[in-house]
Structures are given as structure tokens and as C-alpha cells.
Amino acid sequence: MLIKPHEVQQVSNEVINMLHDEEIEIINSFYDAVVAKDIEKIDELFKVVLFDVEDHFQTEEEMMKQNNYTNYQVHKNDHDTMREKIAKFFERWLVLKSPLELQDFLETDFKKWLVLHVSKWDSEMALHLGHAM
């Protein structure tokens, strides 16, 4: 398990919390396959991760646009940075099939990014969405 649920802050919007809970579950399954060096499972779950992350980000971005969130572009830019990193690692995975490289990315980059992103951007956005409803 890479991310324990209590490590990611709950925000004041239940939809966003559900998105995070689903993502943590998927990332943890992916991480377990990476640690086990299960190439077939990694191949399968990497596509699930890509879909889930994109769906998560798009859902949040739609919520921000619908509610005229003033920090939309900065928040989206943070999403875009992680989109690019995950896409880069997926392309590298297709060529190298290196579980160790993925494990390092997940442990040192992705987890830290997720925890910080939620505590800063998602918590702020959730407060805005709560006031806009």
C-alpha cells in the first residue's frame, strides 16, 4: 500500500472526497503490482490509472468552471504537470518495462504531489464550491 487513506486530507466537498478515495484505491492496487514486479498486472492497471487520473482531473476542472473558480488555471496547470509526468512514465513503461522506475516515481513524486495538491488546491477549491452552492 502506497497511500493510506488518512494521509490524504478530506476536503469540504463529498464528490471530491469520493474521487480521491477511488484514486487512492486504484493507485494502491497499481503500486502493489509494481512492487510485486507483476508485468502483466502493471500493463493492465497502468491503463486504468491513466483513465482514472484523467477522469478525476476533468471532473474537478468541470466543477471549477461551472462555479467560476478564480484559481482555475493555476489548479489546472498543476493537473497538467502531473498528466505530463504520468504520460511520460507510461511511454517509458511501454519501452523499458521497469517496475523499479515506476516504484520510485510513485513513492517519491506522485504520493508527495497528491498529498500536497489535495491539501492546497483541492481543499481551497472545495471551500469555494461549498460557498457557490
N, C-alpha and C. Protein backbone atom coordinates (compact mmCIF):
# COMPACT_ATOMS: atom_id res chain seq x y z
N MET A 1 0.85 -1.18 0.00
CA MET A 1 0.00 0.00 0.00
C MET A 1 0.90 1.24 0.00
N LEU A 2 0.65 2.09 -0.95
CA LEU A 2 1.43 3.32 -1.07
C LEU A 2 0.83 4.44 -0.22
N ILE A 3 -0.48 4.60 -0.31
CA ILE A 3 -1.15 5.74 0.33
C ILE A 3 -2.23 5.23 1.28
N LYS A 4 -2.07 5.54 2.53
CA LYS A 4 -3.12 5.22 3.49
C LYS A 4 -4.17 6.33 3.41
N PRO A 5 -5.45 5.97 3.48
CA PRO A 5 -6.50 6.98 3.32
C PRO A 5 -6.34 8.21 4.22
N HIS A 6 -5.86 8.04 5.44
CA HIS A 6 -5.72 9.19 6.34
C HIS A 6 -4.59 10.14 5.93
N GLU A 7 -3.73 9.72 5.00
CA GLU A 7 -2.63 10.58 4.56
C GLU A 7 -3.09 11.67 3.59
N VAL A 8 -4.25 11.47 2.99
CA VAL A 8 -4.81 12.47 2.07
C VAL A 8 -5.95 13.17 2.79
N GLN A 9 -5.81 14.47 2.92
CA GLN A 9 -6.78 15.28 3.64
C GLN A 9 -8.17 15.16 3.03
N GLN A 10 -9.17 15.08 3.90
CA GLN A 10 -10.55 15.18 3.44
C GLN A 10 -10.85 16.66 3.21
N VAL A 11 -11.64 16.94 2.18
CA VAL A 11 -11.99 18.32 1.87
C VAL A 11 -13.48 18.52 2.12
N SER A 12 -13.94 19.75 1.97
CA SER A 12 -15.33 20.06 2.33
C SER A 12 -16.32 19.82 1.19
N ASN A 13 -15.98 18.88 0.30
CA ASN A 13 -16.88 18.53 -0.80
C ASN A 13 -16.84 17.01 -0.95
N GLU A 14 -17.98 16.37 -0.77
CA GLU A 14 -18.02 14.91 -0.79
C GLU A 14 -17.72 14.31 -2.16
N VAL A 15 -18.08 14.98 -3.24
CA VAL A 15 -17.77 14.47 -4.59
C VAL A 15 -16.26 14.38 -4.75
N ILE A 16 -15.57 15.42 -4.35
CA ILE A 16 -14.10 15.44 -4.47
C ILE A 16 -13.49 14.37 -3.56
N ASN A 17 -14.02 14.21 -2.37
CA ASN A 17 -13.52 13.16 -1.48
C ASN A 17 -13.71 11.77 -2.10
N MET A 18 -14.85 11.55 -2.75
CA MET A 18 -15.08 10.26 -3.40
C MET A 18 -14.09 10.04 -4.55
N LEU A 19 -13.83 11.09 -5.32
CA LEU A 19 -12.83 10.98 -6.39
C LEU A 19 -11.47 10.58 -5.81
N HIS A 20 -11.10 11.20 -4.72
CA HIS A 20 -9.81 10.89 -4.09
C HIS A 20 -9.78 9.46 -3.56
N ASP A 21 -10.86 9.04 -2.92
CA ASP A 21 -10.92 7.68 -2.37
C ASP A 21 -10.76 6.64 -3.48
N GLU A 22 -11.46 6.86 -4.60
CA GLU A 22 -11.35 5.94 -5.74
C GLU A 22 -9.93 5.93 -6.29
N GLU A 23 -9.34 7.11 -6.43
CA GLU A 23 -8.00 7.20 -6.97
C GLU A 23 -6.99 6.51 -6.05
N ILE A 24 -7.11 6.71 -4.76
CA ILE A 24 -6.19 6.06 -3.81
C ILE A 24 -6.29 4.54 -3.93
N GLU A 25 -7.50 4.03 -4.06
CA GLU A 25 -7.68 2.59 -4.19
C GLU A 25 -7.01 2.07 -5.47
N ILE A 26 -7.19 2.77 -6.57
CA ILE A 26 -6.59 2.36 -7.84
C ILE A 26 -5.07 2.47 -7.79
N ILE A 27 -4.57 3.58 -7.26
CA ILE A 27 -3.12 3.77 -7.16
C ILE A 27 -2.50 2.71 -6.25
N ASN A 28 -3.16 2.37 -5.17
CA ASN A 28 -2.63 1.35 -4.27
C ASN A 28 -2.58 -0.02 -4.95
N SER A 29 -3.58 -0.37 -5.72
CA SER A 29 -3.56 -1.64 -6.46
C SER A 29 -2.43 -1.64 -7.48
N PHE A 30 -2.28 -0.53 -8.17
CA PHE A 30 -1.20 -0.37 -9.15
C PHE A 30 0.15 -0.49 -8.45
N TYR A 31 0.31 0.20 -7.35
CA TYR A 31 1.57 0.16 -6.59
C TYR A 31 1.89 -1.27 -6.14
N ASP A 32 0.90 -1.98 -5.66
CA ASP A 32 1.12 -3.37 -5.23
C ASP A 32 1.63 -4.23 -6.38
N ALA A 33 1.08 -4.03 -7.58
CA ALA A 33 1.55 -4.76 -8.76
C ALA A 33 2.98 -4.36 -9.12
N VAL A 34 3.28 -3.08 -8.97
CA VAL A 34 4.63 -2.58 -9.26
C VAL A 34 5.63 -3.20 -8.30
N VAL A 35 5.33 -3.19 -7.02
CA VAL A 35 6.23 -3.76 -6.01
C VAL A 35 6.42 -5.26 -6.25
N ALA A 36 5.35 -5.94 -6.67
CA ALA A 36 5.43 -7.37 -6.94
C ALA A 36 6.12 -7.66 -8.28
N LYS A 37 6.39 -6.60 -9.06
CA LYS A 37 7.01 -6.72 -10.39
C LYS A 37 6.17 -7.61 -11.31
N ASP A 38 4.85 -7.50 -11.18
CA ASP A 38 3.90 -8.26 -11.98
C ASP A 38 3.63 -7.49 -13.29
N ILE A 39 4.43 -7.79 -14.30
CA ILE A 39 4.42 -7.03 -15.56
C ILE A 39 3.03 -7.01 -16.20
N GLU A 40 2.37 -8.16 -16.26
CA GLU A 40 1.04 -8.21 -16.88
C GLU A 40 0.04 -7.35 -16.12
N LYS A 41 0.08 -7.43 -14.81
CA LYS A 41 -0.85 -6.64 -13.98
C LYS A 41 -0.54 -5.14 -14.11
N ILE A 42 0.74 -4.81 -14.16
CA ILE A 42 1.12 -3.40 -14.35
C ILE A 42 0.59 -2.90 -15.69
N ASP A 43 0.78 -3.69 -16.75
CA ASP A 43 0.26 -3.32 -18.07
C ASP A 43 -1.23 -3.02 -18.01
N GLU A 44 -1.96 -3.90 -17.34
CA GLU A 44 -3.42 -3.76 -17.23
C GLU A 44 -3.79 -2.53 -16.39
N LEU A 45 -3.17 -2.40 -15.22
CA LEU A 45 -3.55 -1.34 -14.29
C LEU A 45 -3.05 0.04 -14.70
N PHE A 46 -1.95 0.09 -15.46
CA PHE A 46 -1.46 1.41 -15.89
C PHE A 46 -2.53 2.11 -16.73
N LYS A 47 -3.21 1.36 -17.57
CA LYS A 47 -4.29 1.95 -18.38
C LYS A 47 -5.44 2.42 -17.51
N VAL A 48 -5.73 1.68 -16.45
CA VAL A 48 -6.78 2.08 -15.50
C VAL A 48 -6.37 3.37 -14.79
N VAL A 49 -5.10 3.45 -14.39
CA VAL A 49 -4.59 4.65 -13.72
C VAL A 49 -4.72 5.85 -14.65
N LEU A 50 -4.30 5.70 -15.90
CA LEU A 50 -4.38 6.81 -16.86
C LEU A 50 -5.82 7.29 -17.01
N PHE A 51 -6.74 6.36 -17.15
CA PHE A 51 -8.15 6.72 -17.31
C PHE A 51 -8.68 7.40 -16.06
N ASP A 52 -8.37 6.83 -14.90
CA ASP A 52 -8.89 7.37 -13.64
C ASP A 52 -8.36 8.76 -13.36
N VAL A 53 -7.07 8.96 -13.55
CA VAL A 53 -6.48 10.28 -13.29
C VAL A 53 -7.12 11.32 -14.22
N GLU A 54 -7.27 10.97 -15.49
CA GLU A 54 -7.87 11.92 -16.43
C GLU A 54 -9.33 12.22 -16.05
N ASP A 55 -10.07 11.19 -15.71
CA ASP A 55 -11.47 11.37 -15.31
C ASP A 55 -11.56 12.23 -14.05
N HIS A 56 -10.71 11.96 -13.09
CA HIS A 56 -10.66 12.74 -11.84
C HIS A 56 -10.37 14.21 -12.14
N PHE A 57 -9.31 14.47 -12.91
CA PHE A 57 -8.93 15.85 -13.22
C PHE A 57 -10.03 16.56 -14.01
N GLN A 58 -10.59 15.90 -15.00
CA GLN A 58 -11.64 16.53 -15.80
C GLN A 58 -12.87 16.85 -14.96
N THR A 59 -13.22 15.95 -14.06
CA THR A 59 -14.38 16.20 -13.19
C THR A 59 -14.15 17.44 -12.33
N GLU A 60 -12.98 17.51 -11.72
CA GLU A 60 -12.66 18.70 -10.91
C GLU A 60 -12.65 19.96 -11.76
N GLU A 61 -12.06 19.88 -12.94
CA GLU A 61 -11.96 21.06 -13.80
C GLU A 61 -13.34 21.54 -14.25
N GLU A 62 -14.23 20.61 -14.52
CA GLU A 62 -15.61 20.99 -14.88
C GLU A 62 -16.30 21.67 -13.70
N MET A 63 -16.11 21.13 -12.51
CA MET A 63 -16.71 21.73 -11.32
C MET A 63 -16.19 23.15 -11.11
N MET A 64 -14.89 23.33 -11.34
CA MET A 64 -14.30 24.67 -11.17
C MET A 64 -14.88 25.65 -12.19
N LYS A 65 -14.99 25.22 -13.44
CA LYS A 65 -15.52 26.11 -14.49
C LYS A 65 -16.98 26.47 -14.21
N GLN A 66 -17.76 25.47 -13.82
CA GLN A 66 -19.18 25.71 -13.57
C GLN A 66 -19.41 26.68 -12.42
N ASN A 67 -18.45 26.73 -11.52
CA ASN A 67 -18.60 27.59 -10.34
C ASN A 67 -17.70 28.83 -10.38
N ASN A 68 -17.17 29.13 -11.57
CA ASN A 68 -16.32 30.32 -11.76
C ASN A 68 -15.21 30.43 -10.72
N TYR A 69 -14.53 29.33 -10.51
CA TYR A 69 -13.44 29.29 -9.54
C TYR A 69 -12.29 30.15 -10.05
N THR A 70 -11.88 31.11 -9.25
CA THR A 70 -10.90 32.11 -9.70
C THR A 70 -9.49 31.53 -9.93
N ASN A 71 -9.14 30.46 -9.24
CA ASN A 71 -7.81 29.86 -9.42
C ASN A 71 -7.85 28.66 -10.37
N TYR A 72 -8.84 28.64 -11.24
CA TYR A 72 -9.00 27.51 -12.17
C TYR A 72 -7.71 27.22 -12.94
N GLN A 73 -7.13 28.22 -13.57
CA GLN A 73 -5.99 27.98 -14.44
C GLN A 73 -4.77 27.47 -13.68
N VAL A 74 -4.52 28.01 -12.51
CA VAL A 74 -3.37 27.56 -11.72
C VAL A 74 -3.60 26.10 -11.27
N HIS A 75 -4.80 25.80 -10.84
CA HIS A 75 -5.14 24.45 -10.41
C HIS A 75 -5.02 23.49 -11.60
N LYS A 76 -5.57 23.88 -12.74
CA LYS A 76 -5.48 23.04 -13.94
C LYS A 76 -4.02 22.84 -14.36
N ASN A 77 -3.21 23.88 -14.25
CA ASN A 77 -1.79 23.75 -14.59
C ASN A 77 -1.12 22.69 -13.72
N ASP A 78 -1.49 22.62 -12.45
CA ASP A 78 -0.93 21.60 -11.58
C ASP A 78 -1.38 20.21 -12.04
N HIS A 79 -2.63 20.09 -12.44
CA HIS A 79 -3.11 18.83 -13.02
C HIS A 79 -2.30 18.50 -14.29
N ASP A 80 -2.13 19.50 -15.14
CA ASP A 80 -1.43 19.26 -16.41
C ASP A 80 0.01 18.80 -16.20
N THR A 81 0.66 19.33 -15.19
CA THR A 81 2.03 18.90 -14.88
C THR A 81 2.04 17.41 -14.54
N MET A 82 1.08 16.97 -13.72
CA MET A 82 1.04 15.55 -13.37
C MET A 82 0.57 14.71 -14.55
N ARG A 83 -0.34 15.21 -15.36
CA ARG A 83 -0.74 14.48 -16.57
C ARG A 83 0.48 14.17 -17.43
N GLU A 84 1.33 15.19 -17.63
CA GLU A 84 2.53 15.03 -18.45
C GLU A 84 3.49 14.03 -17.84
N LYS A 85 3.68 14.08 -16.53
CA LYS A 85 4.59 13.14 -15.88
C LYS A 85 4.09 11.70 -16.02
N ILE A 86 2.81 11.49 -15.77
CA ILE A 86 2.26 10.14 -15.87
C ILE A 86 2.35 9.64 -17.32
N ALA A 87 2.06 10.51 -18.27
CA ALA A 87 2.15 10.12 -19.69
C ALA A 87 3.59 9.75 -20.05
N LYS A 88 4.55 10.52 -19.53
CA LYS A 88 5.97 10.23 -19.78
C LYS A 88 6.34 8.87 -19.21
N PHE A 89 5.90 8.58 -18.00
CA PHE A 89 6.21 7.29 -17.40
C PHE A 89 5.51 6.15 -18.11
N PHE A 90 4.32 6.40 -18.63
CA PHE A 90 3.63 5.36 -19.40
C PHE A 90 4.42 5.05 -20.68
N GLU A 91 4.86 6.08 -21.38
CA GLU A 91 5.65 5.87 -22.60
C GLU A 91 6.94 5.11 -22.27
N ARG A 92 7.59 5.47 -21.19
CA ARG A 92 8.82 4.78 -20.77
C ARG A 92 8.51 3.33 -20.38
N TRP A 93 7.36 3.14 -19.72
CA TRP A 93 6.95 1.79 -19.34
C TRP A 93 6.80 0.91 -20.58
N LEU A 94 6.18 1.44 -21.62
CA LEU A 94 5.95 0.65 -22.83
C LEU A 94 7.26 0.18 -23.44
N VAL A 95 8.32 0.94 -23.27
CA VAL A 95 9.62 0.60 -23.84
C VAL A 95 10.47 -0.23 -22.88
N LEU A 96 10.56 0.23 -21.62
CA LEU A 96 11.52 -0.35 -20.68
C LEU A 96 10.95 -1.44 -19.77
N LYS A 97 9.65 -1.36 -19.47
CA LYS A 97 9.01 -2.29 -18.52
C LYS A 97 9.80 -2.37 -17.22
N SER A 98 10.07 -1.19 -16.65
CA SER A 98 10.88 -1.12 -15.43
C SER A 98 10.03 -0.83 -14.19
N PRO A 99 9.67 -1.88 -13.44
CA PRO A 99 8.90 -1.64 -12.21
C PRO A 99 9.65 -0.76 -11.21
N LEU A 100 10.96 -0.87 -11.16
CA LEU A 100 11.71 -0.06 -10.19
C LEU A 100 11.58 1.42 -10.48
N GLU A 101 11.60 1.79 -11.75
CA GLU A 101 11.43 3.20 -12.12
C GLU A 101 10.04 3.69 -11.72
N LEU A 102 9.02 2.87 -11.97
CA LEU A 102 7.66 3.24 -11.57
C LEU A 102 7.53 3.34 -10.05
N GLN A 103 8.13 2.41 -9.35
CA GLN A 103 8.06 2.43 -7.89
C GLN A 103 8.68 3.72 -7.36
N ASP A 104 9.81 4.10 -7.90
CA ASP A 104 10.46 5.34 -7.47
C ASP A 104 9.57 6.55 -7.74
N PHE A 105 8.98 6.61 -8.94
CA PHE A 105 8.07 7.70 -9.28
C PHE A 105 6.89 7.77 -8.31
N LEU A 106 6.27 6.63 -8.05
CA LEU A 106 5.11 6.60 -7.17
C LEU A 106 5.46 7.01 -5.75
N GLU A 107 6.57 6.51 -5.25
CA GLU A 107 6.95 6.77 -3.86
C GLU A 107 7.49 8.17 -3.63
N THR A 108 8.27 8.68 -4.57
CA THR A 108 8.94 9.96 -4.32
C THR A 108 8.27 11.15 -4.99
N ASP A 109 7.50 10.91 -6.03
CA ASP A 109 6.92 12.03 -6.75
C ASP A 109 5.39 12.05 -6.64
N PHE A 110 4.75 10.99 -7.08
CA PHE A 110 3.29 11.00 -7.14
C PHE A 110 2.64 11.16 -5.77
N LYS A 111 3.07 10.36 -4.81
CA LYS A 111 2.45 10.42 -3.48
C LYS A 111 2.60 11.82 -2.87
N LYS A 112 3.80 12.35 -2.91
CA LYS A 112 4.05 13.68 -2.37
C LYS A 112 3.18 14.72 -3.09
N TRP A 113 3.12 14.62 -4.42
CA TRP A 113 2.32 15.56 -5.20
C TRP A 113 0.85 15.47 -4.79
N LEU A 114 0.31 14.27 -4.70
CA LEU A 114 -1.11 14.10 -4.39
C LEU A 114 -1.45 14.71 -3.02
N VAL A 115 -0.65 14.38 -2.02
CA VAL A 115 -0.91 14.89 -0.67
C VAL A 115 -0.86 16.42 -0.66
N LEU A 116 0.14 17.00 -1.29
CA LEU A 116 0.26 18.47 -1.32
C LEU A 116 -0.83 19.11 -2.17
N HIS A 117 -1.13 18.52 -3.31
CA HIS A 117 -2.16 19.07 -4.20
C HIS A 117 -3.52 19.11 -3.50
N VAL A 118 -3.87 18.04 -2.83
CA VAL A 118 -5.16 17.99 -2.14
C VAL A 118 -5.19 18.99 -1.00
N SER A 119 -4.11 19.06 -0.23
CA SER A 119 -4.13 19.96 0.93
C SER A 119 -4.15 21.43 0.52
N LYS A 120 -3.57 21.76 -0.61
CA LYS A 120 -3.57 23.16 -1.06
C LYS A 120 -4.73 23.44 -2.01
N TRP A 121 -4.65 22.88 -3.20
CA TRP A 121 -5.58 23.26 -4.27
C TRP A 121 -6.98 22.69 -4.10
N ASP A 122 -7.07 21.40 -3.79
CA ASP A 122 -8.40 20.81 -3.70
C ASP A 122 -9.16 21.29 -2.47
N SER A 123 -8.46 21.50 -1.37
CA SER A 123 -9.17 21.99 -0.18
C SER A 123 -9.67 23.42 -0.40
N GLU A 124 -8.84 24.24 -1.06
CA GLU A 124 -9.26 25.61 -1.38
C GLU A 124 -10.44 25.60 -2.35
N MET A 125 -10.36 24.78 -3.39
CA MET A 125 -11.43 24.69 -4.37
C MET A 125 -12.72 24.20 -3.71
N ALA A 126 -12.63 23.21 -2.83
CA ALA A 126 -13.82 22.67 -2.18
C ALA A 126 -14.51 23.75 -1.34
N LEU A 127 -13.73 24.59 -0.68
CA LEU A 127 -14.32 25.69 0.08
C LEU A 127 -15.08 26.63 -0.85
N HIS A 128 -14.49 26.94 -2.00
CA HIS A 128 -15.16 27.80 -2.98
C HIS A 128 -16.45 27.16 -3.48
N LEU A 129 -16.37 25.88 -3.81
CA LEU A 129 -17.55 25.18 -4.32
C LEU A 129 -18.65 25.15 -3.27
N GLY A 130 -18.27 25.00 -2.02
CA GLY A 130 -19.25 24.98 -0.93
C GLY A 130 -19.97 26.30 -0.81
N HIS A 131 -19.24 27.40 -1.01
CA HIS A 131 -19.85 28.73 -0.92
C HIS A 131 -20.66 29.05 -2.16
N ALA A 132 -20.31 28.42 -3.29
CA ALA A 132 -21.02 28.72 -4.54
C ALA A 132 -22.33 27.98 -4.65
N MET A 133 -22.53 26.95 -3.82
CA MET A 133 -23.76 26.14 -3.95
C MET A 133 -24.88 26.67 -3.09
